[in-house]
Amino acid sequence: MRLFILFTVLLAAGRASGEMTHKESASRRAIEVLIRESGKGEKTEHRLDAALALLPYQPDKAIPLIIKSLEEGNLNNAFTDAAVDSLSRYLTPSLLRRSRRILKKDHSTRWALRLISVAGNPADLDLMESYFLSPEADAYLIPILLHYGKDAAPLLGNLMHYSALKSCIAAKMLTEMGFTFHYDDMERYAGNNLCLAWTLASVDAESGCDIVLSHLASDKVETRRSAAYGVGRLEDSTYLPVLVKLLRDEDSETACNAAFSLGFLGDTSGAELLRETAKDTETFIGDNARTLFPKLPDALVEPVLYHFLESDHGKPTLEALDAAGTLKDSNAVDYIIKLLSFQNPAIQRAALDALGDIGLVSTRGYVRPFLDSSSAQLRVGALLALGKLKDIFVVPRLNLMLFWEPASDGMWIRHPIVDALTTIGSKEALPALALVIDDNDPFLTLKVLDFFAQKAGKDYIEYVEPALEDSIATLRIKAAAAILAMSKTEVLR
């Protein structure tokens, strides 16, 4: 008996040792893949992706590779900003010095500017001034000056004298910081800058009111339209009589925008105009349904939005359903559930999407039956909605659907099934998803690898390892990142 127990213990220890050896081997292979891809990848994007995946595990090797990829450029702003955000968590004095040298050499180096701003050192503001005052500067980067607090006020004050967009952003930031020295500049430029007029009127109604009124009375149609659209957000009843008058403006879009703004003042006298405008699906004005519905003030939701949820009005109802989802309007749920019974697949699909976006758990029961619909469009809508509703009770069924559903509808439906499973986030989906990784569908594999990086443990590494040798660079990089996350790898030197 003692020999049997000893044998069992030794066997378990051997198995554990084998698992550890395999785990370490897989981790080392993953590290090797990331180092190779970050140094020799064919595209800058791939090299940067690999270096960013390597960053948490070997920052000393990853940081120079990331900097090299960023210096090469040819990356869009969103990708660059995401890379800088990751890099900023490893900001060191030496990295700051290097970034400053790069920015001094080329004042237009956007990524270095963002990285330096994280430190919030006021001494860097002089270095940044050349960038922000140049015509090529990205005005949407101005908010990074918030890292410097009130020390950034002089630079923001200078920006008041540049482009309309720069002056508007700078004015808002100075106002939020509690400064008033820029009010004179706002008043000086507000006649030609509606954004400055709004900002001034929000903090100094006496000075800004006449300027805003001049925009509302402008001979330029575009100016009137913009002014009518935005003035309601000032929530100042002073503008109510003017907006009511604009309901009869010769330009129908201005009139529609005035009706919209009146809603912010609790006035629904323009509701009928908005409803009629939304029914127009033949002209450009018909786009107002898409433009206005998701931004409707509370006072107009019932008389305008709900009007189109009471029955099938075609396109306006589709837009209203989309807006209800965007607004996450739980009060619209009863209307939406009724629309599910309408025999119009487009309306039903939009209703399913809206229920998913609103996210009430109590609506799961109304969505589940559509998994059995004869319409692939409605089954997909149900899948995506149940994913957003985090319906863990359908996971076993979705696991089965992942394999039997394609027999009748083709492989494409696997994507919404996987989307639903990964959005729900239950680990019960791991066994089924593991069998999808090596399925000759790189887009599907990428989704599963991302999920495994978040949810799977070391037991699933063997399913991911083959992707380290895939012919597609993105898959190799994703697989390596997933293996390191799954094995909870620490820094390997």
Protein backbone atom coordinates (compact mmCIF):
# COMPACT_ATOMS: atom_id res chain seq x y z
CA MET A 1 0.00 0.00 0.00
CA ARG A 2 2.81 2.40 0.89
CA LEU A 3 4.56 1.58 -2.37
CA PHE A 4 1.34 2.35 -4.29
CA ILE A 5 0.96 5.71 -2.53
CA LEU A 6 4.62 6.53 -3.20
CA PHE A 7 4.22 5.59 -6.86
CA THR A 8 1.11 7.78 -7.15
CA VAL A 9 2.91 10.73 -5.56
CA LEU A 10 5.91 10.33 -7.84
CA LEU A 11 3.66 10.02 -10.90
CA ALA A 12 1.79 13.21 -9.94
CA ALA A 13 5.07 15.01 -9.34
CA GLY A 14 6.38 13.85 -12.70
CA ARG A 15 3.22 14.98 -14.44
CA ALA A 16 3.42 18.39 -12.70
CA SER A 17 7.09 18.66 -13.64
CA GLY A 18 6.24 17.79 -17.24
CA GLU A 19 3.47 20.37 -17.33
CA MET A 20 5.82 23.00 -15.91
CA THR A 21 8.51 22.11 -18.45
CA HIS A 22 6.00 22.32 -21.29
CA LYS A 23 4.63 25.61 -19.95
CA GLU A 24 8.11 27.12 -19.76
CA SER A 25 8.95 25.79 -23.22
CA ALA A 26 5.81 27.30 -24.74
CA SER A 27 6.49 30.60 -22.99
CA ARG A 28 10.05 30.73 -24.25
CA ARG A 29 8.91 29.96 -27.79
CA ALA A 30 6.34 32.73 -27.51
CA ILE A 31 9.01 35.19 -26.34
CA GLU A 32 11.26 34.14 -29.22
CA VAL A 33 8.45 34.71 -31.72
CA LEU A 34 7.76 38.21 -30.37
CA ILE A 35 11.44 39.17 -30.41
CA ARG A 36 11.80 37.90 -33.97
CA GLU A 37 8.62 39.59 -35.21
CA SER A 38 9.36 42.91 -33.51
CA GLY A 39 12.81 43.04 -35.12
CA LYS A 40 12.27 41.55 -38.56
CA GLY A 41 8.56 41.77 -39.33
CA GLU A 42 7.64 42.77 -42.87
CA LYS A 43 5.38 45.67 -41.85
CA THR A 44 5.85 48.41 -39.27
CA GLU A 45 2.43 47.61 -37.79
CA HIS A 46 3.39 43.99 -37.21
CA ARG A 47 6.73 44.89 -35.66
CA LEU A 48 5.04 47.34 -33.32
CA ASP A 49 2.30 44.85 -32.39
CA ALA A 50 4.93 42.26 -31.50
CA ALA A 51 7.01 44.72 -29.47
CA LEU A 52 3.92 45.86 -27.54
CA ALA A 53 3.03 42.24 -26.77
CA LEU A 54 6.60 41.70 -25.53
CA LEU A 55 6.59 44.86 -23.39
CA PRO A 56 5.12 43.42 -20.13
CA TYR A 57 7.59 40.53 -20.13
CA GLN A 58 10.85 42.01 -21.41
CA PRO A 59 10.51 45.80 -21.28
CA ASP A 60 14.25 46.41 -21.72
CA LYS A 61 14.16 44.67 -25.11
CA ALA A 62 10.71 45.88 -26.13
CA ILE A 63 11.06 49.62 -25.49
CA PRO A 64 13.85 50.28 -28.06
CA LEU A 65 11.94 48.23 -30.62
CA ILE A 66 8.75 50.21 -29.99
CA ILE A 67 10.61 53.51 -30.32
CA LYS A 68 12.19 52.32 -33.57
CA SER A 69 8.77 51.43 -35.03
CA LEU A 70 7.29 54.75 -33.92
CA GLU A 71 10.18 56.66 -35.49
CA GLU A 72 9.60 54.89 -38.79
CA GLY A 73 6.13 56.48 -38.90
CA ASN A 74 3.55 55.40 -41.48
CA LEU A 75 1.13 54.61 -38.64
CA ASN A 76 -2.32 56.09 -38.17
CA ASN A 77 -2.94 58.29 -35.13
CA ALA A 78 -5.18 55.81 -33.33
CA PHE A 79 -2.56 53.05 -33.57
CA THR A 80 0.22 55.42 -32.52
CA ASP A 81 -1.76 56.76 -29.56
CA ALA A 82 -2.55 53.23 -28.33
CA ALA A 83 1.15 52.36 -28.53
CA VAL A 84 2.13 55.50 -26.58
CA ASP A 85 -0.49 54.72 -23.91
CA SER A 86 1.09 51.27 -23.41
CA LEU A 87 4.60 52.68 -23.44
CA SER A 88 3.71 55.39 -20.91
CA ARG A 89 3.26 52.76 -18.20
CA TYR A 90 6.99 52.05 -18.48
CA LEU A 91 8.12 55.66 -18.56
CA THR A 92 11.64 56.05 -17.18
CA PRO A 93 13.99 59.06 -16.97
CA SER A 94 16.09 57.64 -19.80
CA LEU A 95 13.03 57.15 -22.01
CA LEU A 96 11.92 60.71 -21.26
CA ARG A 97 15.34 62.08 -22.19
CA ARG A 98 15.33 60.16 -25.45
CA SER A 99 11.81 61.39 -26.30
CA ARG A 100 12.82 64.98 -25.60
CA ARG A 101 15.82 64.66 -27.91
CA ILE A 102 13.58 63.31 -30.66
CA LEU A 103 11.08 66.15 -30.23
CA LYS A 104 13.83 68.79 -30.25
CA LYS A 105 15.14 67.33 -33.48
CA ASP A 106 11.70 67.30 -35.11
CA HIS A 107 8.97 69.43 -33.48
CA SER A 108 6.28 67.57 -35.46
CA THR A 109 6.95 64.21 -33.78
CA ARG A 110 3.47 63.64 -32.45
CA TRP A 111 4.11 60.44 -30.51
CA ALA A 112 7.07 61.91 -28.58
CA LEU A 113 4.95 64.90 -27.63
CA ARG A 114 2.24 62.65 -26.17
CA LEU A 115 4.72 60.52 -24.29
CA ILE A 116 6.51 63.50 -22.76
CA SER A 117 3.20 65.02 -21.63
CA VAL A 118 2.55 62.05 -19.34
CA ALA A 119 5.33 63.27 -17.03
CA GLY A 120 3.64 66.68 -16.71
CA ASN A 121 6.92 68.53 -16.25
CA PRO A 122 6.29 72.28 -16.79
CA ALA A 123 9.82 72.62 -18.20
CA ASP A 124 8.61 70.72 -21.29
CA LEU A 125 6.00 73.33 -22.23
CA ASP A 126 8.52 75.48 -24.11
CA LEU A 127 9.50 72.40 -26.11
CA MET A 128 5.85 71.72 -26.94
CA GLU A 129 5.02 75.28 -27.94
CA SER A 130 6.66 74.94 -31.36
CA TYR A 131 4.42 71.99 -32.14
CA PHE A 132 1.11 73.46 -31.00
CA LEU A 133 1.66 76.86 -32.65
CA SER A 134 2.50 75.34 -36.04
CA PRO A 135 -0.22 75.15 -38.73
CA GLU A 136 0.31 71.37 -39.02
CA ALA A 137 -0.40 70.69 -35.35
CA ASP A 138 -3.17 68.27 -34.43
CA ALA A 139 -5.61 70.48 -32.54
CA TYR A 140 -7.18 67.45 -30.90
CA LEU A 141 -3.93 66.90 -29.00
CA ILE A 142 -4.34 70.18 -27.11
CA PRO A 143 -6.15 68.47 -24.18
CA ILE A 144 -2.91 66.69 -23.25
CA LEU A 145 -1.90 70.06 -21.79
CA LEU A 146 -4.21 69.19 -18.90
CA HIS A 147 -1.26 67.18 -17.57
CA TYR A 148 0.38 70.54 -16.79
CA GLY A 149 -2.58 72.12 -15.02
CA LYS A 150 -2.48 75.89 -14.70
CA ASP A 151 1.12 75.98 -15.89
CA ALA A 152 -0.28 75.47 -19.41
CA ALA A 153 -2.38 78.65 -19.26
CA PRO A 154 0.10 80.92 -21.14
CA LEU A 155 0.35 78.43 -24.04
CA LEU A 156 -3.43 78.00 -24.13
CA GLY A 157 -3.76 81.78 -24.15
CA ASN A 158 -1.50 81.93 -27.23
CA LEU A 159 -3.65 79.30 -28.96
CA MET A 160 -6.63 81.63 -28.64
CA HIS A 161 -5.16 83.61 -31.57
CA TYR A 162 -4.80 80.73 -34.00
CA SER A 163 -7.33 78.61 -35.92
CA ALA A 164 -11.02 78.46 -35.02
CA LEU A 165 -10.66 74.90 -33.72
CA LYS A 166 -7.55 75.59 -31.66
CA SER A 167 -9.05 78.70 -30.11
CA CYS A 168 -12.27 76.87 -29.27
CA ILE A 169 -10.51 73.96 -27.53
CA ALA A 170 -8.15 76.31 -25.70
CA ALA A 171 -11.02 78.54 -24.55
CA LYS A 172 -12.95 75.60 -23.13
CA MET A 173 -9.90 74.34 -21.27
CA LEU A 174 -9.08 77.76 -19.81
CA THR A 175 -12.69 78.19 -18.76
CA GLU A 176 -12.75 74.79 -17.04
CA MET A 177 -9.52 75.75 -15.23
CA GLY A 178 -11.28 78.80 -13.81
CA PHE A 179 -9.44 81.50 -15.80
CA THR A 180 -11.15 84.63 -17.12
CA PHE A 181 -8.30 86.49 -18.85
CA HIS A 182 -9.34 85.00 -22.21
CA TYR A 183 -12.90 86.36 -22.11
CA ASP A 184 -11.93 89.47 -24.10
CA ASP A 185 -10.41 87.31 -26.82
CA MET A 186 -13.50 85.11 -26.90
CA GLU A 187 -15.70 88.19 -27.33
CA ARG A 188 -13.38 89.53 -30.05
CA TYR A 189 -13.44 86.34 -32.13
CA ALA A 190 -16.89 84.96 -31.28
CA GLY A 191 -18.59 86.83 -34.11
CA ASN A 192 -16.84 84.55 -36.57
CA ASN A 193 -16.53 81.48 -34.34
CA LEU A 194 -19.77 79.95 -33.16
CA CYS A 195 -18.01 77.59 -30.77
CA LEU A 196 -16.43 80.56 -28.97
CA ALA A 197 -19.81 82.29 -28.89
CA TRP A 198 -21.36 79.29 -27.13
CA THR A 199 -18.47 79.02 -24.69
CA LEU A 200 -18.67 82.72 -23.85
CA ALA A 201 -22.45 82.64 -23.46
CA SER A 202 -22.21 79.66 -21.09
CA VAL A 203 -19.97 81.57 -18.66
CA ASP A 204 -20.93 85.18 -19.32
CA ALA A 205 -24.50 85.33 -20.62
CA GLU A 206 -24.53 89.12 -20.76
CA SER A 207 -21.49 89.30 -23.05
CA GLY A 208 -22.31 86.23 -25.12
CA CYS A 209 -26.05 86.54 -25.65
CA ASP A 210 -26.00 89.22 -28.36
CA ILE A 211 -23.26 87.37 -30.27
CA VAL A 212 -25.20 84.09 -30.22
CA LEU A 213 -28.33 85.93 -31.36
CA SER A 214 -26.37 87.41 -34.26
CA HIS A 215 -25.44 83.87 -35.36
CA LEU A 216 -29.10 82.82 -35.15
CA ALA A 217 -30.05 85.77 -37.36
CA SER A 218 -27.18 85.33 -39.83
CA ASP A 219 -27.80 85.65 -43.57
CA LYS A 220 -25.58 82.61 -44.02
CA VAL A 221 -27.68 79.45 -43.99
CA GLU A 222 -24.89 77.24 -42.65
CA THR A 223 -24.32 79.61 -39.73
CA ARG A 224 -28.02 79.71 -38.86
CA ARG A 225 -28.25 75.93 -39.05
CA SER A 226 -25.30 75.39 -36.72
CA ALA A 227 -26.45 78.04 -34.27
CA ALA A 228 -29.99 76.66 -34.14
CA TYR A 229 -28.68 73.15 -33.55
CA GLY A 230 -26.39 74.00 -30.64
CA VAL A 231 -28.02 76.88 -28.79
CA GLY A 232 -30.46 74.68 -26.87
CA ARG A 233 -27.60 73.17 -24.90
CA LEU A 234 -27.06 76.54 -23.26
CA GLU A 235 -30.44 75.90 -21.57
CA ASP A 236 -31.12 79.63 -21.48
CA SER A 237 -34.77 80.60 -21.95
CA THR A 238 -33.60 83.90 -23.45
CA TYR A 239 -33.30 82.12 -26.80
CA LEU A 240 -36.73 80.47 -26.70
CA PRO A 241 -38.68 83.18 -28.65
CA VAL A 242 -36.01 83.24 -31.37
CA LEU A 243 -36.06 79.45 -31.70
CA VAL A 244 -39.85 79.40 -31.96
CA LYS A 245 -39.58 81.96 -34.75
CA LEU A 246 -36.98 79.80 -36.52
CA LEU A 247 -39.50 76.96 -36.70
CA ARG A 248 -40.82 78.88 -39.71
CA ASP A 249 -37.38 79.53 -41.23
CA GLU A 250 -37.26 79.24 -45.02
CA ASP A 251 -34.46 76.70 -44.63
CA SER A 252 -36.10 73.47 -43.47
CA GLU A 253 -32.94 72.15 -41.82
CA THR A 254 -32.61 75.29 -39.71
CA ALA A 255 -36.26 74.92 -38.68
CA CYS A 256 -35.66 71.28 -37.75
CA ASN A 257 -32.59 72.18 -35.70
CA ALA A 258 -34.57 74.87 -33.88
CA ALA A 259 -37.23 72.29 -33.00
CA PHE A 260 -34.46 70.06 -31.64
CA SER A 261 -32.96 72.85 -29.50
CA LEU A 262 -36.35 73.82 -28.10
CA GLY A 263 -36.53 70.37 -26.53
CA PHE A 264 -33.61 71.25 -24.25
CA LEU A 265 -35.72 74.15 -22.96
CA GLY A 266 -38.68 71.82 -22.29
CA ASP A 267 -40.61 73.15 -25.29
CA THR A 268 -42.14 70.48 -27.57
CA SER A 269 -43.80 72.84 -30.04
CA GLY A 270 -41.44 71.58 -32.74
CA ALA A 271 -42.20 67.88 -32.20
CA GLU A 272 -44.58 67.65 -35.15
CA LEU A 273 -42.00 69.25 -37.43
CA LEU A 274 -39.41 66.70 -36.33
CA ARG A 275 -41.82 63.84 -36.95
CA GLU A 276 -42.63 65.09 -40.43
CA THR A 277 -38.97 65.63 -41.20
CA ALA A 278 -38.11 62.12 -40.05
CA LYS A 279 -40.74 60.69 -42.41
CA ASP A 280 -38.94 62.26 -45.37
CA THR A 281 -36.71 59.45 -46.64
CA GLU A 282 -36.25 60.78 -50.17
CA THR A 283 -34.16 63.93 -49.63
CA PHE A 284 -31.08 64.89 -47.67
CA ILE A 285 -33.31 66.17 -44.89
CA GLY A 286 -34.27 62.55 -44.27
CA ASP A 287 -30.88 62.09 -42.63
CA ASN A 288 -32.13 64.21 -39.74
CA ALA A 289 -33.69 61.05 -38.29
CA ARG A 290 -30.24 59.51 -37.99
CA THR A 291 -28.62 62.77 -36.88
CA LEU A 292 -31.18 63.92 -34.34
CA PHE A 293 -32.78 60.81 -32.84
CA PRO A 294 -29.74 59.58 -30.83
CA LYS A 295 -29.24 63.07 -29.37
CA LEU A 296 -32.85 63.97 -28.60
CA PRO A 297 -33.37 65.90 -25.36
CA ASP A 298 -35.58 64.16 -22.82
CA ALA A 299 -38.61 66.32 -23.56
CA LEU A 300 -38.71 65.12 -27.19
CA VAL A 301 -38.15 61.40 -26.68
CA GLU A 302 -41.80 60.52 -26.13
CA PRO A 303 -43.44 62.78 -28.75
CA VAL A 304 -40.85 62.07 -31.43
CA LEU A 305 -38.93 58.84 -30.85
CA TYR A 306 -41.76 56.76 -29.34
CA HIS A 307 -44.10 57.87 -32.11
CA PHE A 308 -42.04 55.80 -34.54
CA LEU A 309 -41.88 52.82 -32.18
CA GLU A 310 -45.65 52.48 -31.94
CA SER A 311 -45.93 50.94 -35.41
CA ASP A 312 -43.88 50.16 -38.50
CA HIS A 313 -43.06 53.42 -40.28
CA GLY A 314 -40.27 51.87 -42.31
CA LYS A 315 -36.87 53.59 -42.24
CA PRO A 316 -37.79 56.11 -39.50
CA THR A 317 -38.71 53.19 -37.22
CA LEU A 318 -35.38 51.52 -37.96
CA GLU A 319 -33.61 54.75 -37.02
CA ALA A 320 -35.74 55.10 -33.90
CA LEU A 321 -34.82 51.57 -32.80
CA ASP A 322 -31.16 52.30 -33.38
CA ALA A 323 -31.47 55.51 -31.36
CA ALA A 324 -33.26 53.73 -28.50
CA GLY A 325 -30.32 51.36 -28.30
CA THR A 326 -27.79 54.17 -28.47
CA LEU A 327 -29.62 56.04 -25.71
CA LYS A 328 -29.97 52.79 -23.70
CA ASP A 329 -33.55 53.88 -23.13
CA SER A 330 -35.11 51.25 -20.86
CA ASN A 331 -38.46 53.05 -21.10
CA ALA A 332 -38.60 52.10 -24.78
CA VAL A 333 -38.37 48.36 -24.09
CA ASP A 334 -42.14 47.72 -24.08
CA TYR A 335 -42.42 49.31 -27.53
CA ILE A 336 -39.46 47.31 -28.81
CA ILE A 337 -40.83 43.99 -27.56
CA LYS A 338 -44.08 44.64 -29.44
CA LEU A 339 -42.11 45.34 -32.62
CA LEU A 340 -40.50 41.89 -32.31
CA SER A 341 -43.87 40.40 -33.24
CA PHE A 342 -44.13 42.39 -36.48
CA GLN A 343 -43.60 40.22 -39.54
CA ASN A 344 -40.87 42.42 -40.93
CA PRO A 345 -37.38 40.86 -40.61
CA ALA A 346 -35.65 44.25 -40.86
CA ILE A 347 -37.74 45.67 -38.00
CA GLN A 348 -37.30 42.51 -35.93
CA ARG A 349 -33.54 42.52 -36.44
CA ALA A 350 -33.30 46.20 -35.44
CA ALA A 351 -35.43 45.45 -32.37
CA LEU A 352 -33.09 42.61 -31.35
CA ASP A 353 -30.10 44.92 -31.77
CA ALA A 354 -31.81 47.59 -29.64
CA LEU A 355 -32.58 45.14 -26.82
CA GLY A 356 -28.97 44.02 -26.81
CA ASP A 357 -27.71 47.60 -26.63
CA ILE A 358 -30.13 48.57 -23.85
CA GLY A 359 -28.96 45.56 -21.89
CA LEU A 360 -31.86 44.69 -19.58
CA VAL A 361 -31.43 41.11 -18.31
CA SER A 362 -35.22 40.75 -18.16
CA THR A 363 -35.42 40.87 -21.98
CA ARG A 364 -33.36 37.70 -22.56
CA GLY A 365 -36.51 35.57 -22.73
CA TYR A 366 -37.84 37.62 -25.64
CA VAL A 367 -34.60 37.20 -27.58
CA ARG A 368 -33.88 33.48 -27.13
CA PRO A 369 -36.73 32.19 -29.37
CA PHE A 370 -35.08 33.88 -32.36
CA LEU A 371 -32.23 31.38 -32.15
CA ASP A 372 -34.72 29.01 -33.80
CA SER A 373 -35.80 31.45 -36.52
CA SER A 374 -35.81 30.28 -40.12
CA SER A 375 -34.14 33.60 -40.99
CA ALA A 376 -30.35 33.59 -40.68
CA GLN A 377 -30.49 37.38 -40.25
CA LEU A 378 -32.68 37.03 -37.15
CA ARG A 379 -30.59 34.19 -35.71
CA VAL A 380 -27.52 36.41 -36.02
CA GLY A 381 -29.41 39.27 -34.37
CA ALA A 382 -30.39 36.99 -31.49
CA LEU A 383 -26.81 35.72 -31.11
CA LEU A 384 -25.33 39.21 -30.90
CA ALA A 385 -28.08 40.46 -28.58
CA LEU A 386 -27.69 37.52 -26.19
CA GLY A 387 -23.96 38.18 -26.17
CA LYS A 388 -24.50 41.78 -25.10
CA LEU A 389 -27.07 40.60 -22.55
CA LYS A 390 -24.40 38.29 -21.06
CA ASP A 391 -26.82 35.35 -21.19
CA ILE A 392 -24.71 32.58 -19.64
CA PHE A 393 -27.62 30.15 -19.82
CA VAL A 394 -27.38 29.85 -23.61
CA VAL A 395 -23.65 29.07 -23.62
CA PRO A 396 -24.10 25.25 -23.79
CA ARG A 397 -26.39 25.67 -26.77
CA LEU A 398 -24.06 28.09 -28.51
CA ASN A 399 -21.21 25.64 -28.01
CA LEU A 400 -23.23 23.07 -29.95
CA MET A 401 -24.32 25.61 -32.57
CA LEU A 402 -20.68 26.30 -33.27
CA PHE A 403 -20.48 22.90 -34.91
CA TRP A 404 -23.94 21.93 -36.17
CA GLU A 405 -25.21 25.31 -37.36
CA PRO A 406 -22.70 25.71 -40.23
CA ALA A 407 -24.08 22.58 -41.85
CA SER A 408 -27.14 24.52 -42.98
CA ASP A 409 -25.91 28.11 -43.23
CA GLY A 410 -22.26 27.95 -44.19
CA MET A 411 -19.17 28.73 -42.16
CA TRP A 412 -19.86 32.46 -41.96
CA ILE A 413 -22.33 32.06 -39.08
CA ARG A 414 -19.54 30.85 -36.85
CA HIS A 415 -18.40 34.45 -36.50
CA PRO A 416 -21.54 35.74 -34.73
CA ILE A 417 -21.61 32.57 -32.61
CA VAL A 418 -18.01 33.19 -31.51
CA ASP A 419 -18.79 36.89 -31.04
CA ALA A 420 -21.66 35.96 -28.73
CA LEU A 421 -19.60 33.45 -26.74
CA THR A 422 -16.63 35.78 -26.28
CA THR A 423 -18.88 38.71 -25.34
CA ILE A 424 -20.70 36.62 -22.72
CA GLY A 425 -17.28 35.72 -21.39
CA SER A 426 -18.07 32.38 -19.77
CA LYS A 427 -15.21 29.91 -19.38
CA GLU A 428 -17.70 27.18 -20.31
CA ALA A 429 -17.05 28.20 -23.91
CA LEU A 430 -13.33 27.38 -23.78
CA PRO A 431 -13.51 23.70 -24.86
CA ALA A 432 -15.61 24.48 -27.91
CA LEU A 433 -13.59 27.53 -28.89
CA ALA A 434 -10.33 25.58 -28.56
CA LEU A 435 -11.42 23.42 -31.49
CA VAL A 436 -11.96 26.48 -33.68
CA ILE A 437 -8.40 27.85 -33.48
CA ASP A 438 -6.96 25.68 -36.24
CA ASP A 439 -9.86 26.08 -38.65
CA ASN A 440 -8.37 27.84 -41.70
CA ASP A 441 -10.23 31.01 -40.79
CA PRO A 442 -7.70 33.61 -39.57
CA PHE A 443 -10.32 36.17 -38.58
CA LEU A 444 -12.12 33.63 -36.42
CA THR A 445 -8.84 32.47 -34.90
CA LEU A 446 -7.91 36.05 -33.94
CA LYS A 447 -11.17 36.44 -32.01
CA VAL A 448 -10.58 33.19 -30.13
CA LEU A 449 -6.95 34.03 -29.34
CA ASP A 450 -8.00 37.36 -27.83
CA PHE A 451 -10.55 35.53 -25.68
CA PHE A 452 -8.03 32.89 -24.59
CA ALA A 453 -5.58 35.60 -23.54
CA GLN A 454 -8.25 36.88 -21.12
CA LYS A 455 -9.95 33.70 -19.93
CA ALA A 456 -7.92 30.55 -20.59
CA GLY A 457 -5.29 28.95 -18.38
CA LYS A 458 -2.21 26.89 -19.10
CA ASP A 459 -4.30 23.79 -19.86
CA TYR A 460 -5.22 25.32 -23.22
CA ILE A 461 -1.71 26.31 -24.33
CA GLU A 462 -1.39 23.20 -26.50
CA TYR A 463 -4.31 24.37 -28.66
CA VAL A 464 -2.64 27.73 -29.27
CA GLU A 465 0.94 26.59 -29.87
CA PRO A 466 0.49 25.55 -33.52
CA ALA A 467 -0.47 29.14 -34.38
CA LEU A 468 3.08 30.21 -33.45
CA GLU A 469 4.14 28.77 -36.81
CA ASP A 470 1.26 30.21 -38.82
CA SER A 471 2.03 31.87 -42.15
CA ILE A 472 0.18 35.02 -41.07
CA ALA A 473 2.24 37.38 -38.91
CA THR A 474 -0.74 38.73 -36.98
CA LEU A 475 -1.72 35.22 -35.90
CA ARG A 476 1.81 34.39 -34.79
CA ILE A 477 1.94 37.53 -32.67
CA LYS A 478 -1.53 37.02 -31.18
CA ALA A 479 -0.75 33.38 -30.38
CA ALA A 480 2.47 34.35 -28.62
CA ALA A 481 0.71 37.04 -26.58
CA ALA A 482 -2.06 34.59 -25.66
CA ILE A 483 0.39 31.89 -24.51
CA LEU A 484 2.23 34.35 -22.26
CA ALA A 485 -1.03 35.54 -20.75
CA MET A 486 -2.33 32.00 -20.28
CA SER A 487 0.86 30.82 -18.60
CA LYS A 488 0.98 33.91 -16.36
CA THR A 489 4.57 34.35 -17.48
CA GLU A 490 6.80 36.68 -15.53
CA VAL A 491 9.80 38.47 -17.01
CA LEU A 492 12.02 35.98 -18.86
CA ARG A 493 15.59 37.18 -19.24
